[in-house]
Amino acid sequence: MQPADITDGQKTDDLRQLANDMIDVQLSMIADCTDADVFFTPIDEAADDPHAVSKEEVGMAWTLGHVIVHCCASSEESTFLAAELARGVENHGRSRYEPHWSTIKTIRQCREALEDSRRMRLATLEVWPRQPDLDKRYEVWSGGPVANAMELYVVGHMHEYSHFDQIREIVRQAKAART
């Protein structure tokens, strides 16, 4: 599925709903989690992060806190860049901040990160002009989708969604380890 498949016929109110839905689903998934679940290391045979900050972290299974901050950073990046594109600003590279996963130690921090992310995502839509520039497009990453502002807004959310099963599995394993 391509971002254009999702945004065809959509308006900025639909993007607001998307942002709210994504956050609400994650809050629901972690509703019964404890602080111990946040830094629980799950079994993940497929763990492979070529963009890890150190060699030691490349094959490391991600904790719940790690996945939450990664999801937030991915969607925030695309929403901030989409706001610029909607205003007609040429792409000038990435706009990403992701706190190191080891700083997330409590379920409260996870919930706060999600609510902060919701606030930021919704705020970016307030800077869109009434008539956003939807003709300006760029290739989001080498070999990736060529997106306009609407499509770019959903790119990070699509990536975030791709981690939902991972969140569910971490929560499942963490709860099983507690019992």
N, C-alpha and C. Protein backbone atom coordinates (compact mmCIF):
# COMPACT_ATOMS: atom_id res chain seq x y z
N MET A 1 0.84 -1.17 0.00
CA MET A 1 0.00 0.00 0.00
C MET A 1 0.89 1.24 0.00
N GLN A 2 0.53 2.19 -0.81
CA GLN A 2 1.27 3.45 -0.93
C GLN A 2 0.53 4.55 -0.16
N PRO A 3 1.25 5.59 0.27
CA PRO A 3 0.60 6.69 0.98
C PRO A 3 -0.56 7.30 0.18
N ALA A 4 -0.42 7.38 -1.14
CA ALA A 4 -1.49 7.95 -1.97
C ALA A 4 -2.77 7.13 -1.88
N ASP A 5 -2.64 5.83 -1.66
CA ASP A 5 -3.83 4.97 -1.51
C ASP A 5 -4.64 5.35 -0.27
N ILE A 6 -3.95 5.83 0.73
CA ILE A 6 -4.61 6.20 1.99
C ILE A 6 -5.19 7.61 1.91
N THR A 7 -4.47 8.52 1.26
CA THR A 7 -4.87 9.93 1.30
C THR A 7 -5.82 10.35 0.19
N ASP A 8 -6.08 9.49 -0.78
CA ASP A 8 -6.96 9.86 -1.88
C ASP A 8 -8.31 10.33 -1.35
N GLY A 9 -8.65 11.58 -1.62
CA GLY A 9 -9.93 12.14 -1.20
C GLY A 9 -9.97 12.59 0.25
N GLN A 10 -8.85 12.50 0.95
CA GLN A 10 -8.81 12.87 2.37
C GLN A 10 -8.58 14.37 2.54
N LYS A 11 -8.96 14.86 3.70
CA LYS A 11 -8.78 16.27 4.09
C LYS A 11 -7.92 16.30 5.36
N THR A 12 -7.54 17.51 5.77
CA THR A 12 -6.71 17.61 6.98
C THR A 12 -7.43 17.08 8.21
N ASP A 13 -8.75 17.17 8.26
CA ASP A 13 -9.47 16.59 9.40
C ASP A 13 -9.27 15.07 9.47
N ASP A 14 -9.12 14.44 8.32
CA ASP A 14 -8.85 13.00 8.29
C ASP A 14 -7.46 12.70 8.86
N LEU A 15 -6.51 13.62 8.61
CA LEU A 15 -5.17 13.44 9.16
C LEU A 15 -5.20 13.59 10.68
N ARG A 16 -6.00 14.52 11.18
CA ARG A 16 -6.18 14.66 12.63
C ARG A 16 -6.70 13.35 13.23
N GLN A 17 -7.69 12.79 12.56
CA GLN A 17 -8.28 11.54 13.05
C GLN A 17 -7.25 10.42 13.04
N LEU A 18 -6.44 10.37 11.98
CA LEU A 18 -5.38 9.36 11.90
C LEU A 18 -4.43 9.48 13.08
N ALA A 19 -3.97 10.70 13.34
CA ALA A 19 -3.03 10.91 14.45
C ALA A 19 -3.64 10.48 15.77
N ASN A 20 -4.87 10.89 16.01
CA ASN A 20 -5.55 10.51 17.26
C ASN A 20 -5.74 9.00 17.36
N ASP A 21 -6.14 8.38 16.27
CA ASP A 21 -6.35 6.93 16.27
C ASP A 21 -5.06 6.17 16.57
N MET A 22 -3.96 6.60 15.96
CA MET A 22 -2.69 5.91 16.17
C MET A 22 -2.26 5.98 17.63
N ILE A 23 -2.39 7.15 18.23
CA ILE A 23 -2.02 7.30 19.64
C ILE A 23 -2.96 6.50 20.53
N ASP A 24 -4.26 6.60 20.25
CA ASP A 24 -5.25 5.89 21.07
C ASP A 24 -5.02 4.38 21.05
N VAL A 25 -4.69 3.83 19.89
CA VAL A 25 -4.45 2.39 19.79
C VAL A 25 -3.25 1.99 20.66
N GLN A 26 -2.19 2.77 20.59
CA GLN A 26 -1.00 2.43 21.38
C GLN A 26 -1.27 2.56 22.88
N LEU A 27 -1.98 3.62 23.26
CA LEU A 27 -2.33 3.77 24.68
C LEU A 27 -3.17 2.59 25.15
N SER A 28 -4.04 2.11 24.29
CA SER A 28 -4.86 0.95 24.62
C SER A 28 -3.99 -0.31 24.76
N MET A 29 -3.02 -0.46 23.86
CA MET A 29 -2.15 -1.64 23.91
C MET A 29 -1.33 -1.69 25.19
N ILE A 30 -0.96 -0.53 25.73
CA ILE A 30 -0.10 -0.51 26.92
C ILE A 30 -0.88 -0.18 28.19
N ALA A 31 -2.19 -0.18 28.12
CA ALA A 31 -3.03 0.24 29.25
C ALA A 31 -2.74 -0.52 30.54
N ASP A 32 -2.46 -1.80 30.45
CA ASP A 32 -2.24 -2.61 31.65
C ASP A 32 -0.77 -2.86 31.95
N CYS A 33 0.10 -2.13 31.28
CA CYS A 33 1.54 -2.35 31.47
C CYS A 33 2.04 -1.69 32.75
N THR A 34 3.14 -2.22 33.23
CA THR A 34 3.81 -1.70 34.43
C THR A 34 5.18 -1.16 34.03
N ASP A 35 5.83 -0.52 34.98
CA ASP A 35 7.18 -0.02 34.71
C ASP A 35 8.11 -1.14 34.26
N ALA A 36 7.98 -2.31 34.87
CA ALA A 36 8.85 -3.44 34.51
C ALA A 36 8.67 -3.83 33.04
N ASP A 37 7.48 -3.67 32.51
CA ASP A 37 7.22 -4.02 31.11
C ASP A 37 7.96 -3.10 30.15
N VAL A 38 8.22 -1.87 30.57
CA VAL A 38 8.84 -0.87 29.71
C VAL A 38 10.27 -1.24 29.34
N PHE A 39 11.01 -1.79 30.29
CA PHE A 39 12.40 -2.15 30.00
C PHE A 39 12.63 -3.66 29.92
N PHE A 40 11.53 -4.43 29.92
CA PHE A 40 11.61 -5.87 29.70
C PHE A 40 12.20 -6.12 28.31
N THR A 41 13.18 -7.03 28.23
CA THR A 41 13.78 -7.36 26.94
C THR A 41 13.10 -8.61 26.39
N PRO A 42 12.35 -8.45 25.31
CA PRO A 42 11.63 -9.60 24.75
C PRO A 42 12.56 -10.50 23.94
N ILE A 43 12.08 -11.67 23.63
CA ILE A 43 12.77 -12.54 22.68
C ILE A 43 12.33 -12.11 21.29
N ASP A 44 13.30 -11.75 20.46
CA ASP A 44 12.99 -11.31 19.10
C ASP A 44 14.10 -11.81 18.19
N GLU A 45 13.86 -12.99 17.61
CA GLU A 45 14.85 -13.62 16.73
C GLU A 45 15.13 -12.78 15.48
N ALA A 46 14.20 -11.93 15.10
CA ALA A 46 14.36 -11.12 13.89
C ALA A 46 14.99 -9.76 14.17
N ALA A 47 15.41 -9.51 15.40
CA ALA A 47 15.97 -8.20 15.76
C ALA A 47 17.16 -7.86 14.88
N ASP A 48 17.06 -6.74 14.19
CA ASP A 48 18.13 -6.27 13.31
C ASP A 48 17.89 -4.79 13.04
N ASP A 49 18.71 -3.94 13.64
CA ASP A 49 18.58 -2.50 13.46
C ASP A 49 19.87 -1.95 12.86
N PRO A 50 19.94 -1.88 11.54
CA PRO A 50 21.16 -1.39 10.90
C PRO A 50 21.44 0.09 11.21
N HIS A 51 20.46 0.81 11.75
CA HIS A 51 20.64 2.23 12.08
C HIS A 51 20.91 2.44 13.57
N ALA A 52 21.19 1.37 14.29
CA ALA A 52 21.43 1.46 15.73
C ALA A 52 22.61 2.39 16.01
N VAL A 53 22.60 2.99 17.20
CA VAL A 53 23.65 3.94 17.56
C VAL A 53 24.98 3.27 17.89
N SER A 54 24.96 1.96 18.13
CA SER A 54 26.21 1.24 18.41
C SER A 54 26.13 -0.16 17.82
N LYS A 55 27.29 -0.77 17.62
CA LYS A 55 27.33 -2.14 17.09
C LYS A 55 26.62 -3.12 18.02
N GLU A 56 26.73 -2.87 19.31
CA GLU A 56 26.12 -3.76 20.30
C GLU A 56 24.59 -3.77 20.19
N GLU A 57 24.01 -2.69 19.70
CA GLU A 57 22.56 -2.58 19.64
C GLU A 57 21.95 -3.08 18.33
N VAL A 58 22.78 -3.41 17.34
CA VAL A 58 22.27 -3.82 16.03
C VAL A 58 21.33 -5.02 16.12
N GLY A 59 21.70 -6.05 16.84
CA GLY A 59 20.88 -7.25 16.94
C GLY A 59 20.07 -7.34 18.22
N MET A 60 20.00 -6.25 18.95
CA MET A 60 19.31 -6.22 20.24
C MET A 60 17.80 -6.14 20.05
N ALA A 61 17.08 -6.96 20.79
CA ALA A 61 15.61 -6.86 20.77
C ALA A 61 15.21 -5.53 21.40
N TRP A 62 14.20 -4.91 20.82
CA TRP A 62 13.74 -3.62 21.32
C TRP A 62 12.80 -3.79 22.50
N THR A 63 12.98 -2.92 23.49
CA THR A 63 12.07 -2.89 24.63
C THR A 63 10.81 -2.12 24.23
N LEU A 64 9.80 -2.17 25.07
CA LEU A 64 8.58 -1.41 24.82
C LEU A 64 8.88 0.08 24.73
N GLY A 65 9.69 0.58 25.66
CA GLY A 65 10.07 1.99 25.63
C GLY A 65 10.75 2.37 24.33
N HIS A 66 11.60 1.48 23.83
CA HIS A 66 12.31 1.73 22.57
C HIS A 66 11.32 1.85 21.40
N VAL A 67 10.41 0.92 21.31
CA VAL A 67 9.45 0.94 20.20
C VAL A 67 8.56 2.18 20.28
N ILE A 68 8.13 2.54 21.48
CA ILE A 68 7.27 3.72 21.63
C ILE A 68 7.98 4.98 21.16
N VAL A 69 9.21 5.23 21.62
CA VAL A 69 9.90 6.46 21.19
C VAL A 69 10.22 6.42 19.71
N HIS A 70 10.49 5.25 19.17
CA HIS A 70 10.76 5.13 17.73
C HIS A 70 9.50 5.45 16.92
N CYS A 71 8.38 4.91 17.33
CA CYS A 71 7.12 5.19 16.63
C CYS A 71 6.79 6.68 16.68
N CYS A 72 6.93 7.27 17.85
CA CYS A 72 6.66 8.70 17.98
C CYS A 72 7.57 9.52 17.07
N ALA A 73 8.86 9.22 17.10
CA ALA A 73 9.82 9.97 16.29
C ALA A 73 9.53 9.84 14.80
N SER A 74 9.14 8.66 14.36
CA SER A 74 8.85 8.44 12.93
C SER A 74 7.67 9.27 12.47
N SER A 75 6.59 9.24 13.22
CA SER A 75 5.41 10.01 12.82
C SER A 75 5.62 11.51 13.00
N GLU A 76 6.30 11.91 14.06
CA GLU A 76 6.58 13.33 14.24
C GLU A 76 7.41 13.87 13.09
N GLU A 77 8.42 13.12 12.68
CA GLU A 77 9.27 13.57 11.57
C GLU A 77 8.44 13.81 10.31
N SER A 78 7.60 12.86 9.97
CA SER A 78 6.83 13.02 8.73
C SER A 78 5.81 14.14 8.84
N THR A 79 5.25 14.36 10.04
CA THR A 79 4.25 15.43 10.17
C THR A 79 4.89 16.81 10.11
N PHE A 80 6.08 16.96 10.69
CA PHE A 80 6.76 18.25 10.62
C PHE A 80 7.20 18.56 9.19
N LEU A 81 7.74 17.57 8.50
CA LEU A 81 8.14 17.78 7.11
C LEU A 81 6.94 18.02 6.21
N ALA A 82 5.83 17.36 6.49
CA ALA A 82 4.60 17.57 5.71
C ALA A 82 4.10 19.00 5.87
N ALA A 83 4.21 19.56 7.06
CA ALA A 83 3.77 20.94 7.29
C ALA A 83 4.60 21.90 6.43
N GLU A 84 5.89 21.65 6.33
CA GLU A 84 6.72 22.51 5.50
C GLU A 84 6.36 22.34 4.03
N LEU A 85 6.18 21.12 3.60
CA LEU A 85 5.83 20.86 2.21
C LEU A 85 4.48 21.49 1.86
N ALA A 86 3.53 21.43 2.78
CA ALA A 86 2.20 22.02 2.56
C ALA A 86 2.30 23.53 2.37
N ARG A 87 3.32 24.14 2.95
CA ARG A 87 3.53 25.58 2.81
C ARG A 87 4.38 25.91 1.59
N GLY A 88 4.79 24.90 0.84
CA GLY A 88 5.57 25.14 -0.37
C GLY A 88 7.07 25.15 -0.15
N VAL A 89 7.53 24.76 1.04
CA VAL A 89 8.96 24.74 1.34
C VAL A 89 9.58 23.49 0.73
N GLU A 90 10.67 23.67 0.01
CA GLU A 90 11.39 22.54 -0.57
C GLU A 90 11.96 21.66 0.54
N ASN A 91 12.03 20.37 0.27
CA ASN A 91 12.62 19.46 1.24
C ASN A 91 14.08 19.82 1.46
N HIS A 92 14.50 19.80 2.71
CA HIS A 92 15.87 20.15 3.06
C HIS A 92 16.53 19.08 3.93
N GLY A 93 15.94 17.89 3.92
CA GLY A 93 16.52 16.80 4.70
C GLY A 93 15.62 16.40 5.85
N ARG A 94 16.15 15.58 6.70
CA ARG A 94 15.36 15.01 7.79
C ARG A 94 15.12 16.04 8.89
N SER A 95 14.08 15.77 9.67
CA SER A 95 13.73 16.59 10.83
C SER A 95 13.32 15.62 11.93
N ARG A 96 14.32 14.98 12.51
CA ARG A 96 14.03 13.86 13.41
C ARG A 96 14.75 14.00 14.74
N TYR A 97 14.03 13.73 15.80
CA TYR A 97 14.63 13.58 17.12
C TYR A 97 14.00 12.35 17.77
N GLU A 98 14.86 11.44 18.19
CA GLU A 98 14.40 10.24 18.89
C GLU A 98 15.24 10.09 20.15
N PRO A 99 14.61 10.25 21.32
CA PRO A 99 15.40 10.06 22.55
C PRO A 99 15.96 8.64 22.60
N HIS A 100 17.11 8.48 23.21
CA HIS A 100 17.67 7.14 23.33
C HIS A 100 16.72 6.30 24.18
N TRP A 101 16.47 5.09 23.72
CA TRP A 101 15.51 4.20 24.37
C TRP A 101 15.81 3.96 25.84
N SER A 102 17.07 4.02 26.22
CA SER A 102 17.44 3.72 27.60
C SER A 102 16.97 4.79 28.58
N THR A 103 16.55 5.94 28.07
CA THR A 103 16.04 7.00 28.95
C THR A 103 14.57 6.79 29.31
N ILE A 104 13.91 5.85 28.65
CA ILE A 104 12.49 5.56 28.90
C ILE A 104 12.42 4.37 29.85
N LYS A 105 12.08 4.64 31.10
CA LYS A 105 12.13 3.61 32.13
C LYS A 105 10.79 3.32 32.79
N THR A 106 9.79 4.16 32.54
CA THR A 106 8.50 3.97 33.22
C THR A 106 7.35 3.99 32.21
N ILE A 107 6.25 3.37 32.60
CA ILE A 107 5.07 3.38 31.73
C ILE A 107 4.52 4.80 31.63
N ARG A 108 4.69 5.58 32.68
CA ARG A 108 4.27 6.98 32.61
C ARG A 108 5.03 7.72 31.52
N GLN A 109 6.34 7.48 31.41
CA GLN A 109 7.13 8.11 30.36
C GLN A 109 6.62 7.70 28.98
N CYS A 110 6.23 6.45 28.82
CA CYS A 110 5.68 5.99 27.53
C CYS A 110 4.39 6.73 27.22
N ARG A 111 3.52 6.81 28.20
CA ARG A 111 2.24 7.50 27.98
C ARG A 111 2.46 8.99 27.69
N GLU A 112 3.39 9.60 28.42
CA GLU A 112 3.69 11.02 28.18
C GLU A 112 4.28 11.23 26.80
N ALA A 113 5.16 10.32 26.38
CA ALA A 113 5.74 10.44 25.03
C ALA A 113 4.64 10.36 23.98
N LEU A 114 3.70 9.45 24.16
CA LEU A 114 2.60 9.32 23.20
C LEU A 114 1.71 10.56 23.21
N GLU A 115 1.39 11.09 24.37
CA GLU A 115 0.54 12.29 24.43
C GLU A 115 1.28 13.52 23.90
N ASP A 116 2.58 13.64 24.18
CA ASP A 116 3.36 14.73 23.60
C ASP A 116 3.37 14.62 22.09
N SER A 117 3.52 13.40 21.60
CA SER A 117 3.55 13.17 20.16
C SER A 117 2.21 13.53 19.54
N ARG A 118 1.11 13.17 20.20
CA ARG A 118 -0.21 13.53 19.70
C ARG A 118 -0.31 15.06 19.56
N ARG A 119 0.09 15.76 20.62
CA ARG A 119 0.01 17.22 20.63
C ARG A 119 0.82 17.82 19.49
N MET A 120 2.03 17.31 19.28
CA MET A 120 2.87 17.84 18.21
C MET A 120 2.29 17.54 16.83
N ARG A 121 1.83 16.31 16.63
CA ARG A 121 1.26 15.94 15.33
C ARG A 121 0.06 16.81 14.98
N LEU A 122 -0.82 17.01 15.96
CA LEU A 122 -2.00 17.83 15.71
C LEU A 122 -1.61 19.29 15.50
N ALA A 123 -0.62 19.76 16.24
CA ALA A 123 -0.17 21.15 16.10
C ALA A 123 0.39 21.42 14.70
N THR A 124 1.06 20.44 14.11
CA THR A 124 1.62 20.68 12.78
C THR A 124 0.53 20.96 11.75
N LEU A 125 -0.64 20.38 11.94
CA LEU A 125 -1.74 20.62 11.00
C LEU A 125 -2.27 22.04 11.10
N GLU A 126 -2.07 22.68 12.23
CA GLU A 126 -2.53 24.06 12.41
C GLU A 126 -1.68 25.06 11.62
N VAL A 127 -0.49 24.65 11.19
CA VAL A 127 0.34 25.57 10.40
C VAL A 127 0.16 25.35 8.89
N TRP A 128 -0.65 24.38 8.51
CA TRP A 128 -0.94 24.19 7.09
C TRP A 128 -1.78 25.36 6.59
N PRO A 129 -1.50 25.86 5.39
CA PRO A 129 -2.38 26.90 4.83
C PRO A 129 -3.75 26.30 4.48
N ARG A 130 -4.74 27.17 4.33
CA ARG A 130 -6.08 26.68 3.96
C ARG A 130 -6.04 25.91 2.64
N GLN A 131 -5.19 26.35 1.74
CA GLN A 131 -5.00 25.67 0.46
C GLN A 131 -3.56 25.15 0.42
N PRO A 132 -3.31 23.97 0.98
CA PRO A 132 -1.93 23.46 1.01
C PRO A 132 -1.40 23.18 -0.39
N ASP A 133 -0.10 23.31 -0.53
CA ASP A 133 0.56 22.98 -1.79
C ASP A 133 0.64 21.45 -1.86
N LEU A 134 -0.19 20.87 -2.70
CA LEU A 134 -0.19 19.41 -2.86
C LEU A 134 0.47 18.99 -4.17
N ASP A 135 1.00 19.97 -4.91
CA ASP A 135 1.70 19.66 -6.15
C ASP A 135 3.18 19.37 -5.89
N LYS A 136 3.73 20.00 -4.89
CA LYS A 136 5.15 19.80 -4.57
C LYS A 136 5.31 18.40 -3.98
N ARG A 137 6.29 17.65 -4.51
CA ARG A 137 6.52 16.27 -4.10
C ARG A 137 8.03 16.03 -4.01
N TYR A 138 8.39 15.03 -3.25
CA TYR A 138 9.78 14.58 -3.25
C TYR A 138 9.85 13.12 -2.83
N GLU A 139 10.97 12.49 -3.18
CA GLU A 139 11.20 11.10 -2.81
C GLU A 139 11.60 11.06 -1.33
N VAL A 140 10.78 10.42 -0.52
CA VAL A 140 10.94 10.46 0.93
C VAL A 140 12.27 9.84 1.37
N TRP A 141 12.66 8.75 0.78
CA TRP A 141 13.99 8.16 0.97
C TRP A 141 14.35 7.50 -0.35
N SER A 142 15.61 7.20 -0.54
CA SER A 142 16.06 6.61 -1.79
C SER A 142 15.29 5.32 -2.06
N GLY A 143 14.58 5.31 -3.17
CA GLY A 143 13.77 4.16 -3.54
C GLY A 143 12.41 4.12 -2.87
N GLY A 144 12.13 5.13 -2.05
CA GLY A 144 10.86 5.19 -1.32
C GLY A 144 9.80 5.92 -2.11
N PRO A 145 8.66 6.16 -1.47
CA PRO A 145 7.56 6.83 -2.16
C PRO A 145 7.89 8.28 -2.48
N VAL A 146 7.34 8.76 -3.57
CA VAL A 146 7.39 10.18 -3.91
C VAL A 146 6.07 10.74 -3.39
N ALA A 147 6.16 11.67 -2.44
CA ALA A 147 4.97 12.08 -1.71
C ALA A 147 4.75 13.58 -1.72
N ASN A 148 3.47 13.96 -1.70
CA ASN A 148 3.11 15.35 -1.44
C ASN A 148 2.86 15.48 0.07
N ALA A 149 2.40 16.65 0.50
CA ALA A 149 2.24 16.90 1.94
C ALA A 149 1.27 15.93 2.60
N MET A 150 0.12 15.68 1.98
CA MET A 150 -0.86 14.76 2.57
C MET A 150 -0.25 13.36 2.71
N GLU A 151 0.40 12.92 1.65
CA GLU A 151 0.98 11.57 1.64
C GLU A 151 2.14 11.47 2.64
N LEU A 152 2.94 12.53 2.70
CA LEU A 152 4.07 12.53 3.63
C LEU A 152 3.59 12.46 5.08
N TYR A 153 2.48 13.13 5.36
CA TYR A 153 1.94 13.08 6.72
C TYR A 153 1.68 11.64 7.16
N VAL A 154 1.21 10.81 6.24
CA VAL A 154 0.88 9.43 6.61
C VAL A 154 2.07 8.47 6.55
N VAL A 155 3.17 8.86 5.90
CA VAL A 155 4.32 7.96 5.76
C VAL A 155 4.82 7.49 7.13
N GLY A 156 5.03 8.41 8.04
CA GLY A 156 5.50 8.04 9.38
C GLY A 156 4.48 7.20 10.13
N HIS A 157 3.19 7.52 9.91
CA HIS A 157 2.13 6.75 10.56
C HIS A 157 2.08 5.32 10.02
N MET A 158 2.38 5.16 8.73
CA MET A 158 2.43 3.81 8.16
C MET A 158 3.58 3.02 8.80
N HIS A 159 4.71 3.69 8.97
CA HIS A 159 5.84 3.02 9.61
C HIS A 159 5.49 2.70 11.06
N GLU A 160 4.88 3.64 11.74
CA GLU A 160 4.45 3.42 13.12
C GLU A 160 3.52 2.20 13.20
N TYR A 161 2.56 2.14 12.30
CA TYR A 161 1.62 1.02 12.27
C TYR A 161 2.35 -0.32 12.09
N SER A 162 3.44 -0.29 11.32
CA SER A 162 4.19 -1.53 11.08
C SER A 162 4.80 -2.09 12.36
N HIS A 163 4.85 -1.29 13.42
CA HIS A 163 5.39 -1.75 14.71
C HIS A 163 4.30 -2.20 15.68
N PHE A 164 3.04 -2.11 15.30
CA PHE A 164 1.96 -2.45 16.24
C PHE A 164 2.01 -3.91 16.68
N ASP A 165 2.26 -4.82 15.77
CA ASP A 165 2.37 -6.23 16.17
C ASP A 165 3.56 -6.44 17.11
N GLN A 166 4.62 -5.70 16.87
CA GLN A 166 5.79 -5.79 17.74
C GLN A 166 5.43 -5.32 19.16
N ILE A 167 4.68 -4.23 19.26
CA ILE A 167 4.25 -3.75 20.58
C ILE A 167 3.39 -4.80 21.26
N ARG A 168 2.44 -5.34 20.52
CA ARG A 168 1.56 -6.38 21.10
C ARG A 168 2.37 -7.58 21.61
N GLU A 169 3.38 -7.98 20.85
CA GLU A 169 4.19 -9.14 21.23
C GLU A 169 5.06 -8.82 22.45
N ILE A 170 5.61 -7.64 22.51
CA ILE A 170 6.41 -7.26 23.69
C ILE A 170 5.52 -7.27 24.93
N VAL A 171 4.34 -6.68 24.81
CA VAL A 171 3.41 -6.63 25.94
C VAL A 171 3.02 -8.05 26.36
N ARG A 172 2.75 -8.92 25.38
CA ARG A 172 2.39 -10.30 25.69
C ARG A 172 3.51 -11.00 26.46
N GLN A 173 4.73 -10.88 25.94
CA GLN A 173 5.86 -11.53 26.60
C GLN A 173 6.12 -10.95 27.99
N ALA A 174 6.01 -9.65 28.11
CA ALA A 174 6.27 -9.00 29.40
C ALA A 174 5.24 -9.44 30.44
N LYS A 175 3.98 -9.51 30.04
CA LYS A 175 2.94 -9.96 30.97
C LYS A 175 3.14 -11.42 31.36
N ALA A 176 3.53 -12.24 30.40
CA ALA A 176 3.78 -13.66 30.69
C ALA A 176 4.95 -13.81 31.67
N ALA A 177 5.95 -12.96 31.53
CA ALA A 177 7.10 -13.03 32.42
C ALA A 177 6.75 -12.60 33.85
N ARG A 178 5.72 -11.78 33.97
CA ARG A 178 5.27 -11.31 35.29
C ARG A 178 4.46 -12.35 36.04
N THR A 179 3.86 -13.30 35.31
CA THR A 179 2.96 -14.26 35.97
C THR A 179 3.63 -15.58 36.27
